[in-house]
Amino acid sequence: MLDNNPLTAIPNQLTNLSLDMWSPKRSVVIDMIMVQLISLIVLMVAVLLFKGNSLNTNEATFFIFGLFTSLVFLSAVYGRITQMQN
């Protein structure tokens, strides 16, 4: 006779896998934030290097402010990582 209980109908391995996938550990989330900030920094530096001559003052100010803000956020995240490891 089949049991209609959903907890016994799904294998435990599949349940554990889905729980691990949908509730990542804190370090994974921090790593994803770090990757996004690093890619933002690389993008802004590339725009300033390759298109800096054609940018007007407002656009250049926007990219420099964004670069500075990204660096500040990246250093804050890195500082938090080093505090968690101690």
Protein backbone atom coordinates (compact mmCIF):
# COMPACT_ATOMS: atom_id res chain seq x y z
CA MET A 1 0.00 0.00 0.00
CA LEU A 2 1.32 3.42 -0.96
CA ASP A 3 1.62 6.14 1.60
CA ASN A 4 0.30 9.57 0.56
CA ASN A 5 2.67 11.40 2.88
CA PRO A 6 4.88 13.71 0.74
CA LEU A 7 7.79 13.33 3.14
CA THR A 8 8.05 9.63 2.46
CA ALA A 9 7.18 9.86 -1.23
CA ILE A 10 10.29 11.88 -2.12
CA PRO A 11 13.64 10.21 -1.53
CA ASN A 12 15.72 11.71 1.24
CA GLN A 13 18.69 12.38 -1.03
CA LEU A 14 16.61 14.49 -3.38
CA THR A 15 15.15 16.39 -0.45
CA ASN A 16 18.59 17.08 1.01
CA LEU A 17 19.91 18.17 -2.36
CA SER A 18 17.09 20.64 -2.91
CA LEU A 19 17.42 22.03 0.61
CA ASP A 20 21.17 22.57 0.12
CA MET A 21 20.58 24.24 -3.24
CA TRP A 22 17.85 26.64 -2.11
CA SER A 23 19.45 27.63 1.19
CA PRO A 24 23.10 28.33 0.42
CA LYS A 25 25.58 28.88 3.15
CA ARG A 26 26.61 32.41 3.98
CA SER A 27 30.06 32.10 2.37
CA VAL A 28 28.50 31.30 -1.01
CA VAL A 29 26.41 34.47 -0.92
CA ILE A 30 29.41 36.56 0.06
CA ASP A 31 31.46 35.01 -2.75
CA MET A 32 28.73 35.90 -5.25
CA ILE A 33 28.69 39.49 -4.00
CA MET A 34 32.48 39.67 -4.31
CA VAL A 35 32.38 38.38 -7.89
CA GLN A 36 29.74 40.96 -8.85
CA LEU A 37 31.73 43.81 -7.30
CA ILE A 38 34.96 42.71 -8.97
CA SER A 39 33.25 42.46 -12.36
CA LEU A 40 31.76 45.93 -11.86
CA ILE A 41 35.21 47.33 -11.05
CA VAL A 42 36.76 45.68 -14.11
CA LEU A 43 33.97 47.00 -16.32
CA MET A 44 34.31 50.58 -15.08
CA VAL A 45 38.09 50.55 -15.41
CA ALA A 46 37.77 49.20 -18.96
CA VAL A 47 35.28 51.91 -19.92
CA LEU A 48 37.52 54.61 -18.46
CA LEU A 49 40.60 53.22 -20.22
CA PHE A 50 39.14 52.55 -23.65
CA LYS A 51 36.39 55.18 -23.94
CA GLY A 52 37.73 57.84 -21.58
CA ASN A 53 38.49 60.29 -24.40
CA SER A 54 34.93 60.28 -25.71
CA LEU A 55 33.19 60.61 -22.31
CA ASN A 56 31.88 63.99 -21.27
CA THR A 57 32.44 65.33 -17.76
CA ASN A 58 29.19 63.99 -16.30
CA GLU A 59 29.76 60.48 -17.65
CA ALA A 60 33.37 60.39 -16.46
CA THR A 61 32.30 61.60 -13.02
CA PHE A 62 29.64 58.87 -12.90
CA PHE A 63 32.17 56.14 -13.75
CA ILE A 64 34.79 57.43 -11.30
CA PHE A 65 32.21 57.69 -8.51
CA GLY A 66 30.94 54.19 -9.32
CA LEU A 67 34.49 52.86 -9.31
CA PHE A 68 35.23 54.45 -5.95
CA THR A 69 31.96 53.20 -4.45
CA SER A 70 32.57 49.66 -5.74
CA LEU A 71 36.05 49.65 -4.23
CA VAL A 72 34.66 50.79 -0.87
CA PHE A 73 31.99 48.07 -0.90
CA LEU A 74 34.53 45.45 -1.96
CA SER A 75 36.86 46.38 0.88
CA ALA A 76 33.94 46.24 3.34
CA VAL A 77 32.98 42.75 2.16
CA TYR A 78 36.60 41.61 2.28
CA GLY A 79 36.94 43.02 5.80
CA ARG A 80 33.85 41.09 6.85
CA ILE A 81 35.28 37.87 5.37
CA THR A 82 38.51 38.28 7.31
CA GLN A 83 36.58 38.94 10.53
CA MET A 84 34.51 35.76 10.08
CA GLN A 85 37.62 33.63 9.58
CA ASN A 86 39.29 34.76 12.82
